[in-house]
Each structure stands twice: as structure tokens, then as C-alpha cells.
Amino acid sequence: VDFRTRTTTGGLGEGFDLLVIDEAQEYTDDQESTLKYTVSD
């Protein structure tokens, strides 16, 4: 498990099986456009 503070580029290029969005009420469209692809593989 890797723990990260969200940014618009955090996680870019990395691959995971599970993505957890904690404090999801603060989850922005820019962050989603980056992070959603980290589990695509």
C-alpha cells in the first residue's frame, strides 16, 4: 500500500489494483482524470 496526498499528477505512470479516494468530498475532476488510469492495467 502506498499512501499519497492527492495532486493533479500524483500516481501518474504507476499501476495499482485498488485505488482508495479518502476525503472523497474534496476529489476534483483534474485529480480523477489522472488517478482513474492507475488501475486500468
All heavy atoms as atom14 arrays in JSON, in Angstrom:
{
  "sequence": "VDFRTRTTTGGLGEGFDLLVIDEAQEYTDDQESTLKYTVSD",
  "atom14_mask": [
    [1, 1, 1, 1, 1, 1, 1, 0, 0, 0, 0, 0, 0, 0],
    [1, 1, 1, 1, 1, 1, 1, 1, 0, 0, 0, 0, 0, 0],
    [1, 1, 1, 1, 1, 1, 1, 1, 1, 1, 1, 0, 0, 0],
    [1, 1, 1, 1, 1, 1, 1, 1, 1, 1, 1, 0, 0, 0],
    [1, 1, 1, 1, 1, 1, 1, 0, 0, 0, 0, 0, 0, 0],
    [1, 1, 1, 1, 1, 1, 1, 1, 1, 1, 1, 0, 0, 0],
    [1, 1, 1, 1, 1, 1, 1, 0, 0, 0, 0, 0, 0, 0],
    [1, 1, 1, 1, 1, 1, 1, 0, 0, 0, 0, 0, 0, 0],
    [1, 1, 1, 1, 1, 1, 1, 0, 0, 0, 0, 0, 0, 0],
    [1, 1, 1, 1, 0, 0, 0, 0, 0, 0, 0, 0, 0, 0],
    [1, 1, 1, 1, 0, 0, 0, 0, 0, 0, 0, 0, 0, 0],
    [1, 1, 1, 1, 1, 1, 1, 1, 0, 0, 0, 0, 0, 0],
    [1, 1, 1, 1, 0, 0, 0, 0, 0, 0, 0, 0, 0, 0],
    [1, 1, 1, 1, 1, 1, 1, 1, 1, 0, 0, 0, 0, 0],
    [1, 1, 1, 1, 0, 0, 0, 0, 0, 0, 0, 0, 0, 0],
    [1, 1, 1, 1, 1, 1, 1, 1, 1, 1, 1, 0, 0, 0],
    [1, 1, 1, 1, 1, 1, 1, 1, 0, 0, 0, 0, 0, 0],
    [1, 1, 1, 1, 1, 1, 1, 1, 0, 0, 0, 0, 0, 0],
    [1, 1, 1, 1, 1, 1, 1, 1, 0, 0, 0, 0, 0, 0],
    [1, 1, 1, 1, 1, 1, 1, 0, 0, 0, 0, 0, 0, 0],
    [1, 1, 1, 1, 1, 1, 1, 1, 0, 0, 0, 0, 0, 0],
    [1, 1, 1, 1, 1, 1, 1, 1, 0, 0, 0, 0, 0, 0],
    [1, 1, 1, 1, 1, 1, 1, 1, 1, 0, 0, 0, 0, 0],
    [1, 1, 1, 1, 1, 0, 0, 0, 0, 0, 0, 0, 0, 0],
    [1, 1, 1, 1, 1, 1, 1, 1, 1, 0, 0, 0, 0, 0],
    [1, 1, 1, 1, 1, 1, 1, 1, 1, 0, 0, 0, 0, 0],
    [1, 1, 1, 1, 1, 1, 1, 1, 1, 1, 1, 1, 0, 0],
    [1, 1, 1, 1, 1, 1, 1, 0, 0, 0, 0, 0, 0, 0],
    [1, 1, 1, 1, 1, 1, 1, 1, 0, 0, 0, 0, 0, 0],
    [1, 1, 1, 1, 1, 1, 1, 1, 0, 0, 0, 0, 0, 0],
    [1, 1, 1, 1, 1, 1, 1, 1, 1, 0, 0, 0, 0, 0],
    [1, 1, 1, 1, 1, 1, 1, 1, 1, 0, 0, 0, 0, 0],
    [1, 1, 1, 1, 1, 1, 0, 0, 0, 0, 0, 0, 0, 0],
    [1, 1, 1, 1, 1, 1, 1, 0, 0, 0, 0, 0, 0, 0],
    [1, 1, 1, 1, 1, 1, 1, 1, 0, 0, 0, 0, 0, 0],
    [1, 1, 1, 1, 1, 1, 1, 1, 1, 0, 0, 0, 0, 0],
    [1, 1, 1, 1, 1, 1, 1, 1, 1, 1, 1, 1, 0, 0],
    [1, 1, 1, 1, 1, 1, 1, 0, 0, 0, 0, 0, 0, 0],
    [1, 1, 1, 1, 1, 1, 1, 0, 0, 0, 0, 0, 0, 0],
    [1, 1, 1, 1, 1, 1, 0, 0, 0, 0, 0, 0, 0, 0],
    [1, 1, 1, 1, 1, 1, 1, 1, 0, 0, 0, 0, 0, 0]
  ],
  "atom14_positions": [
    [[0.85, -1.19, 0.0], [0.0, 0.0, 0.0], [0.89, 1.24, 0.0], [1.77, 1.38, 0.85], [-0.92, 0.06, 1.24], [-1.87, 1.26, 1.13], [-1.71, -1.21, 1.41], [0.0, 0.0, 0.0], [0.0, 0.0, 0.0], [0.0, 0.0, 0.0], [0.0, 0.0, 0.0], [0.0, 0.0, 0.0], [0.0, 0.0, 0.0], [0.0, 0.0, 0.0]],
    [[0.66, 2.12, -0.95], [1.32, 3.43, -0.98], [0.32, 4.49, -0.55], [-0.84, 4.47, -0.98], [1.83, 3.74, -2.38], [3.07, 2.93, -2.74], [4.17, 3.39, -2.41], [2.91, 1.84, -3.33], [0.0, 0.0, 0.0], [0.0, 0.0, 0.0], [0.0, 0.0, 0.0], [0.0, 0.0, 0.0], [0.0, 0.0, 0.0], [0.0, 0.0, 0.0]],
    [[0.77, 5.42, 0.29], [-0.09, 6.48, 0.81], [0.38, 7.81, 0.23], [1.55, 8.17, 0.36], [-0.03, 6.52, 2.34], [-0.51, 5.25, 2.98], [0.36, 4.18, 3.18], [-1.83, 5.11, 3.38], [-0.07, 3.0, 3.76], [-2.28, 3.93, 3.97], [-1.39, 2.88, 4.16], [0.0, 0.0, 0.0], [0.0, 0.0, 0.0], [0.0, 0.0, 0.0]],
    [[-0.54, 8.55, -0.39], [-0.17, 9.78, -1.06], [-1.2, 10.89, -0.81], [-2.4, 10.62, -0.65], [-0.08, 9.57, -2.59], [0.97, 8.56, -3.03], [2.37, 9.11, -2.89], [3.35, 8.17, -3.4], [3.96, 7.24, -2.68], [3.65, 7.12, -1.39], [4.84, 6.42, -3.21], [0.0, 0.0, 0.0], [0.0, 0.0, 0.0], [0.0, 0.0, 0.0]],
    [[-0.72, 12.12, -0.82], [-1.61, 13.27, -0.85], [-1.95, 13.54, -2.31], [-1.07, 13.5, -3.17], [-0.93, 14.5, -0.23], [-0.44, 14.15, 1.07], [-1.9, 15.66, -0.11], [0.0, 0.0, 0.0], [0.0, 0.0, 0.0], [0.0, 0.0, 0.0], [0.0, 0.0, 0.0], [0.0, 0.0, 0.0], [0.0, 0.0, 0.0], [0.0, 0.0, 0.0]],
    [[-3.21, 13.81, -2.6], [-3.62, 13.96, -4.0], [-3.11, 15.26, -4.63], [-3.18, 16.33, -4.02], [-5.15, 13.91, -4.12], [-5.72, 12.51, -4.06], [-7.16, 12.49, -4.51], [-8.03, 13.24, -3.63], [-8.58, 12.77, -2.52], [-8.32, 11.55, -2.11], [-9.39, 13.52, -1.79], [0.0, 0.0, 0.0], [0.0, 0.0, 0.0], [0.0, 0.0, 0.0]],
    [[-2.66, 15.11, -5.87], [-2.34, 16.25, -6.73], [-2.88, 15.92, -8.12], [-3.41, 14.83, -8.35], [-0.82, 16.5, -6.82], [-0.21, 15.37, -7.49], [-0.19, 16.65, -5.42], [0.0, 0.0, 0.0], [0.0, 0.0, 0.0], [0.0, 0.0, 0.0], [0.0, 0.0, 0.0], [0.0, 0.0, 0.0], [0.0, 0.0, 0.0], [0.0, 0.0, 0.0]],
    [[-2.73, 16.83, -9.04], [-3.21, 16.56, -10.4], [-2.28, 15.63, -11.17], [-2.64, 15.12, -12.23], [-3.35, 17.87, -11.2], [-2.09, 18.56, -11.19], [-4.43, 18.75, -10.59], [0.0, 0.0, 0.0], [0.0, 0.0, 0.0], [0.0, 0.0, 0.0], [0.0, 0.0, 0.0], [0.0, 0.0, 0.0], [0.0, 0.0, 0.0], [0.0, 0.0, 0.0]],
    [[-1.07, 15.37, -10.63], [-0.13, 14.48, -11.3], [0.27, 13.28, -10.46], [0.94, 12.39, -10.95], [1.17, 15.25, -11.68], [1.75, 15.8, -10.49], [0.87, 16.36, -12.66], [0.0, 0.0, 0.0], [0.0, 0.0, 0.0], [0.0, 0.0, 0.0], [0.0, 0.0, 0.0], [0.0, 0.0, 0.0], [0.0, 0.0, 0.0], [0.0, 0.0, 0.0]],
    [[-0.13, 13.23, -9.18], [0.25, 12.14, -8.31], [-0.24, 10.8, -8.8], [-1.41, 10.65, -9.16], [0.0, 0.0, 0.0], [0.0, 0.0, 0.0], [0.0, 0.0, 0.0], [0.0, 0.0, 0.0], [0.0, 0.0, 0.0], [0.0, 0.0, 0.0], [0.0, 0.0, 0.0], [0.0, 0.0, 0.0], [0.0, 0.0, 0.0], [0.0, 0.0, 0.0]],
    [[0.64, 9.79, -8.86], [0.26, 8.46, -9.31], [0.41, 8.26, -10.8], [0.24, 7.16, -11.3], [0.0, 0.0, 0.0], [0.0, 0.0, 0.0], [0.0, 0.0, 0.0], [0.0, 0.0, 0.0], [0.0, 0.0, 0.0], [0.0, 0.0, 0.0], [0.0, 0.0, 0.0], [0.0, 0.0, 0.0], [0.0, 0.0, 0.0], [0.0, 0.0, 0.0]],
    [[0.73, 9.31, -11.54], [0.84, 9.21, -12.99], [1.95, 8.23, -13.37], [3.08, 8.33, -12.89], [1.15, 10.6, -13.57], [0.9, 10.8, -15.06], [-0.57, 10.62, -15.37], [1.36, 12.17, -15.5], [0.0, 0.0, 0.0], [0.0, 0.0, 0.0], [0.0, 0.0, 0.0], [0.0, 0.0, 0.0], [0.0, 0.0, 0.0], [0.0, 0.0, 0.0]],
    [[1.62, 7.25, -14.21], [2.6, 6.28, -14.67], [2.71, 5.06, -13.78], [3.41, 4.11, -14.12], [0.0, 0.0, 0.0], [0.0, 0.0, 0.0], [0.0, 0.0, 0.0], [0.0, 0.0, 0.0], [0.0, 0.0, 0.0], [0.0, 0.0, 0.0], [0.0, 0.0, 0.0], [0.0, 0.0, 0.0], [0.0, 0.0, 0.0], [0.0, 0.0, 0.0]],
    [[2.03, 5.03, -12.64], [2.08, 3.88, -11.75], [0.84, 3.01, -11.95], [-0.19, 3.48, -12.41], [2.16, 4.34, -10.29], [3.39, 5.18, -9.98], [3.4, 5.66, -8.53], [3.85, 4.9, -7.65], [2.96, 6.79, -8.29], [0.0, 0.0, 0.0], [0.0, 0.0, 0.0], [0.0, 0.0, 0.0], [0.0, 0.0, 0.0], [0.0, 0.0, 0.0]],
    [[0.97, 1.73, -11.59], [-0.15, 0.81, -11.76], [-0.55, 0.16, -10.45], [0.31, -0.29, -9.69], [0.0, 0.0, 0.0], [0.0, 0.0, 0.0], [0.0, 0.0, 0.0], [0.0, 0.0, 0.0], [0.0, 0.0, 0.0], [0.0, 0.0, 0.0], [0.0, 0.0, 0.0], [0.0, 0.0, 0.0], [0.0, 0.0, 0.0], [0.0, 0.0, 0.0]],
    [[-1.87, 0.07, -10.19], [-2.38, -0.49, -8.95], [-3.61, -1.35, -9.23], [-4.22, -1.25, -10.29], [-2.74, 0.63, -7.97], [-1.58, 1.51, -7.6], [-1.32, 2.68, -8.33], [-0.73, 1.18, -6.56], [-0.25, 3.49, -8.01], [0.35, 1.98, -6.23], [0.59, 3.14, -6.95], [0.0, 0.0, 0.0], [0.0, 0.0, 0.0], [0.0, 0.0, 0.0]],
    [[-3.96, -2.18, -8.23], [-5.18, -2.98, -8.31], [-6.34, -2.29, -7.6], [-7.5, -2.44, -8.0], [-4.95, -4.35, -7.65], [-3.85, -5.13, -8.32], [-3.98, -5.42, -9.53], [-2.85, -5.46, -7.65], [0.0, 0.0, 0.0], [0.0, 0.0, 0.0], [0.0, 0.0, 0.0], [0.0, 0.0, 0.0], [0.0, 0.0, 0.0], [0.0, 0.0, 0.0]],
    [[-6.03, -1.56, -6.54], [-7.05, -0.87, -5.75], [-6.64, 0.58, -5.56], [-5.51, 0.88, -5.17], [-7.19, -1.54, -4.37], [-8.08, -0.82, -3.34], [-9.53, -0.77, -3.82], [-7.99, -1.51, -1.98], [0.0, 0.0, 0.0], [0.0, 0.0, 0.0], [0.0, 0.0, 0.0], [0.0, 0.0, 0.0], [0.0, 0.0, 0.0], [0.0, 0.0, 0.0]],
    [[-7.58, 1.48, -5.85], [-7.37, 2.91, -5.64], [-8.37, 3.38, -4.6], [-9.59, 3.23, -4.78], [-7.59, 3.67, -6.96], [-7.65, 5.21, -6.87], [-6.34, 5.78, -6.34], [-7.99, 5.8, -8.24], [0.0, 0.0, 0.0], [0.0, 0.0, 0.0], [0.0, 0.0, 0.0], [0.0, 0.0, 0.0], [0.0, 0.0, 0.0], [0.0, 0.0, 0.0]],
    [[-7.87, 3.94, -3.51], [-8.72, 4.47, -2.45], [-8.7, 5.99, -2.49], [-7.64, 6.61, -2.47], [-8.25, 3.99, -1.06], [-9.08, 4.65, 0.04], [-8.34, 2.47, -0.96], [0.0, 0.0, 0.0], [0.0, 0.0, 0.0], [0.0, 0.0, 0.0], [0.0, 0.0, 0.0], [0.0, 0.0, 0.0], [0.0, 0.0, 0.0], [0.0, 0.0, 0.0]],
    [[-9.88, 6.57, -2.56], [-10.03, 8.03, -2.55], [-10.61, 8.41, -1.18], [-11.82, 8.39, -0.98], [-10.95, 8.52, -3.69], [-10.48, 7.98, -5.04], [-11.01, 10.05, -3.69], [-9.11, 8.44, -5.46], [0.0, 0.0, 0.0], [0.0, 0.0, 0.0], [0.0, 0.0, 0.0], [0.0, 0.0, 0.0], [0.0, 0.0, 0.0], [0.0, 0.0, 0.0]],
    [[-9.74, 8.7, -0.24], [-10.16, 9.15, 1.09], [-10.49, 10.64, 1.01], [-10.0, 11.34, 0.13], [-9.01, 8.9, 2.08], [-9.46, 8.91, 3.53], [-10.63, 9.25, 3.8], [-8.63, 8.57, 4.4], [0.0, 0.0, 0.0], [0.0, 0.0, 0.0], [0.0, 0.0, 0.0], [0.0, 0.0, 0.0], [0.0, 0.0, 0.0], [0.0, 0.0, 0.0]],
    [[-11.32, 11.13, 1.93], [-11.8, 12.52, 1.88], [-12.34, 12.84, 0.47], [-12.02, 13.84, -0.15], [-10.67, 13.5, 2.23], [-10.14, 13.34, 3.65], [-9.01, 14.29, 3.97], [-8.02, 14.33, 3.2], [-9.09, 14.99, 4.99], [0.0, 0.0, 0.0], [0.0, 0.0, 0.0], [0.0, 0.0, 0.0], [0.0, 0.0, 0.0], [0.0, 0.0, 0.0]],
    [[-13.2, 11.92, 0.0], [-13.67, 11.99, -1.38], [-14.48, 13.24, -1.68], [-14.62, 13.62, -2.85], [-14.49, 10.75, -1.72], [0.0, 0.0, 0.0], [0.0, 0.0, 0.0], [0.0, 0.0, 0.0], [0.0, 0.0, 0.0], [0.0, 0.0, 0.0], [0.0, 0.0, 0.0], [0.0, 0.0, 0.0], [0.0, 0.0, 0.0], [0.0, 0.0, 0.0]],
    [[-15.02, 13.89, -0.65], [-15.77, 15.13, -0.88], [-14.89, 16.24, -1.46], [-15.39, 17.23, -1.98], [-16.44, 15.61, 0.42], [-15.5, 16.12, 1.49], [-14.93, 15.01, 2.36], [-15.12, 13.83, 2.09], [-14.25, 15.39, 3.43], [0.0, 0.0, 0.0], [0.0, 0.0, 0.0], [0.0, 0.0, 0.0], [0.0, 0.0, 0.0], [0.0, 0.0, 0.0]],
    [[-13.56, 16.04, -1.41], [-12.62, 17.02, -1.95], [-11.98, 16.55, -3.27], [-11.07, 17.2, -3.78], [-11.5, 17.3, -0.93], [-11.98, 17.71, 0.46], [-12.69, 19.06, 0.49], [-12.54, 19.82, -0.48], [-13.39, 19.33, 1.47], [0.0, 0.0, 0.0], [0.0, 0.0, 0.0], [0.0, 0.0, 0.0], [0.0, 0.0, 0.0], [0.0, 0.0, 0.0]],
    [[-12.48, 15.47, -3.83], [-11.91, 14.88, -5.05], [-12.33, 15.68, -6.27], [-13.52, 15.81, -6.57], [-12.4, 13.44, -5.16], [-11.72, 12.55, -6.16], [-10.38, 12.68, -6.47], [-12.43, 11.53, -6.78], [-9.76, 11.83, -7.37], [-11.84, 10.67, -7.68], [-10.51, 10.83, -7.97], [-9.9, 9.98, -8.88], [0.0, 0.0, 0.0], [0.0, 0.0, 0.0]],
    [[-11.36, 16.22, -7.0], [-11.65, 17.11, -8.13], [-11.59, 16.37, -9.47], [-11.01, 15.29, -9.58], [-10.67, 18.28, -8.17], [-9.35, 17.78, -8.47], [-10.63, 19.02, -6.83], [0.0, 0.0, 0.0], [0.0, 0.0, 0.0], [0.0, 0.0, 0.0], [0.0, 0.0, 0.0], [0.0, 0.0, 0.0], [0.0, 0.0, 0.0], [0.0, 0.0, 0.0]],
    [[-12.15, 16.99, -10.49], [-12.14, 16.4, -11.83], [-10.71, 16.25, -12.36], [-10.4, 15.25, -13.02], [-12.95, 17.27, -12.78], [-14.45, 17.2, -12.5], [-15.07, 16.19, -12.83], [-14.98, 18.17, -11.93], [0.0, 0.0, 0.0], [0.0, 0.0, 0.0], [0.0, 0.0, 0.0], [0.0, 0.0, 0.0], [0.0, 0.0, 0.0], [0.0, 0.0, 0.0]],
    [[-9.85, 17.22, -12.1], [-8.46, 17.13, -12.55], [-7.76, 15.94, -11.92], [-6.99, 15.23, -12.59], [-7.71, 18.42, -12.21], [-8.1, 19.58, -13.1], [-8.72, 19.33, -14.16], [-7.8, 20.74, -12.75], [0.0, 0.0, 0.0], [0.0, 0.0, 0.0], [0.0, 0.0, 0.0], [0.0, 0.0, 0.0], [0.0, 0.0, 0.0], [0.0, 0.0, 0.0]],
    [[-8.0, 15.73, -10.63], [-7.38, 14.59, -9.95], [-7.91, 13.28, -10.49], [-7.15, 12.33, -10.71], [-7.62, 14.7, -8.44], [-6.9, 15.87, -7.79], [-7.41, 16.16, -6.4], [-8.39, 15.57, -5.92], [-6.76, 17.1, -5.71], [0.0, 0.0, 0.0], [0.0, 0.0, 0.0], [0.0, 0.0, 0.0], [0.0, 0.0, 0.0], [0.0, 0.0, 0.0]],
    [[-9.21, 13.22, -10.73], [-9.8, 11.98, -11.26], [-9.25, 11.65, -12.64], [-8.98, 10.48, -12.95], [-11.33, 12.1, -11.33], [-11.97, 10.8, -11.78], [-13.43, 10.94, -12.15], [-13.81, 11.99, -12.71], [-14.19, 9.99, -11.9], [0.0, 0.0, 0.0], [0.0, 0.0, 0.0], [0.0, 0.0, 0.0], [0.0, 0.0, 0.0], [0.0, 0.0, 0.0]],
    [[-9.06, 12.67, -13.47], [-8.58, 12.42, -14.83], [-7.19, 11.79, -14.84], [-6.82, 11.1, -15.79], [-8.56, 13.73, -15.63], [-7.6, 14.62, -15.11], [0.0, 0.0, 0.0], [0.0, 0.0, 0.0], [0.0, 0.0, 0.0], [0.0, 0.0, 0.0], [0.0, 0.0, 0.0], [0.0, 0.0, 0.0], [0.0, 0.0, 0.0], [0.0, 0.0, 0.0]],
    [[-6.43, 12.02, -13.77], [-5.11, 11.4, -13.63], [-5.18, 10.05, -12.95], [-4.65, 9.05, -13.45], [-4.18, 12.32, -12.82], [-4.02, 13.56, -13.5], [-2.82, 11.68, -12.62], [0.0, 0.0, 0.0], [0.0, 0.0, 0.0], [0.0, 0.0, 0.0], [0.0, 0.0, 0.0], [0.0, 0.0, 0.0], [0.0, 0.0, 0.0], [0.0, 0.0, 0.0]],
    [[-5.88, 9.99, -11.83], [-5.82, 8.79, -10.99], [-6.61, 7.61, -11.52], [-6.25, 6.46, -11.26], [-6.3, 9.14, -9.57], [-5.34, 10.0, -8.75], [-6.0, 10.44, -7.45], [-4.05, 9.23, -8.45], [0.0, 0.0, 0.0], [0.0, 0.0, 0.0], [0.0, 0.0, 0.0], [0.0, 0.0, 0.0], [0.0, 0.0, 0.0], [0.0, 0.0, 0.0]],
    [[-7.69, 7.84, -12.24], [-8.53, 6.72, -12.67], [-7.79, 5.74, -13.58], [-8.15, 4.56, -13.67], [-9.79, 7.21, -13.35], [-9.58, 7.93, -14.67], [-10.92, 8.43, -15.22], [-10.76, 9.15, -16.55], [-12.07, 9.65, -17.06], [0.0, 0.0, 0.0], [0.0, 0.0, 0.0], [0.0, 0.0, 0.0], [0.0, 0.0, 0.0], [0.0, 0.0, 0.0]],
    [[-6.72, 6.21, -14.24], [-5.98, 5.34, -15.14], [-4.92, 4.5, -14.41], [-4.31, 3.62, -15.01], [-5.3, 6.17, -16.23], [-6.31, 6.82, -17.16], [-6.52, 8.2, -17.13], [-7.07, 6.06, -18.04], [-7.45, 8.8, -17.96], [-8.01, 6.65, -18.88], [-8.2, 8.03, -18.83], [-9.13, 8.61, -19.65], [0.0, 0.0, 0.0], [0.0, 0.0, 0.0]],
    [[-4.71, 4.76, -13.11], [-3.7, 3.99, -12.38], [-4.12, 2.55, -12.15], [-3.29, 1.71, -11.84], [-3.39, 4.65, -11.01], [-4.57, 4.66, -10.21], [-2.88, 6.06, -11.19], [0.0, 0.0, 0.0], [0.0, 0.0, 0.0], [0.0, 0.0, 0.0], [0.0, 0.0, 0.0], [0.0, 0.0, 0.0], [0.0, 0.0, 0.0], [0.0, 0.0, 0.0]],
    [[-5.42, 2.24, -12.31], [-5.88, 0.86, -12.14], [-6.3, 0.24, -13.47], [-6.85, -0.86, -13.5], [-7.06, 0.79, -11.14], [-6.62, 1.19, -9.75], [-8.24, 1.64, -11.61], [0.0, 0.0, 0.0], [0.0, 0.0, 0.0], [0.0, 0.0, 0.0], [0.0, 0.0, 0.0], [0.0, 0.0, 0.0], [0.0, 0.0, 0.0], [0.0, 0.0, 0.0]],
    [[-6.02, 0.91, -14.57], [-6.52, 0.44, -15.87], [-5.86, -0.85, -16.34], [-6.43, -1.58, -17.15], [-6.34, 1.54, -16.94], [-4.97, 1.88, -17.06], [0.0, 0.0, 0.0], [0.0, 0.0, 0.0], [0.0, 0.0, 0.0], [0.0, 0.0, 0.0], [0.0, 0.0, 0.0], [0.0, 0.0, 0.0], [0.0, 0.0, 0.0], [0.0, 0.0, 0.0]],
    [[-4.66, -1.16, -15.85], [-3.97, -2.37, -16.28], [-4.24, -3.57, -15.38], [-3.79, -4.68, -15.67], [-2.45, -2.13, -16.32], [-2.05, -1.25, -17.5], [-2.82, -1.18, -18.47], [-0.98, -0.63, -17.43], [0.0, 0.0, 0.0], [0.0, 0.0, 0.0], [0.0, 0.0, 0.0], [0.0, 0.0, 0.0], [0.0, 0.0, 0.0], [0.0, 0.0, 0.0]]
  ]
}
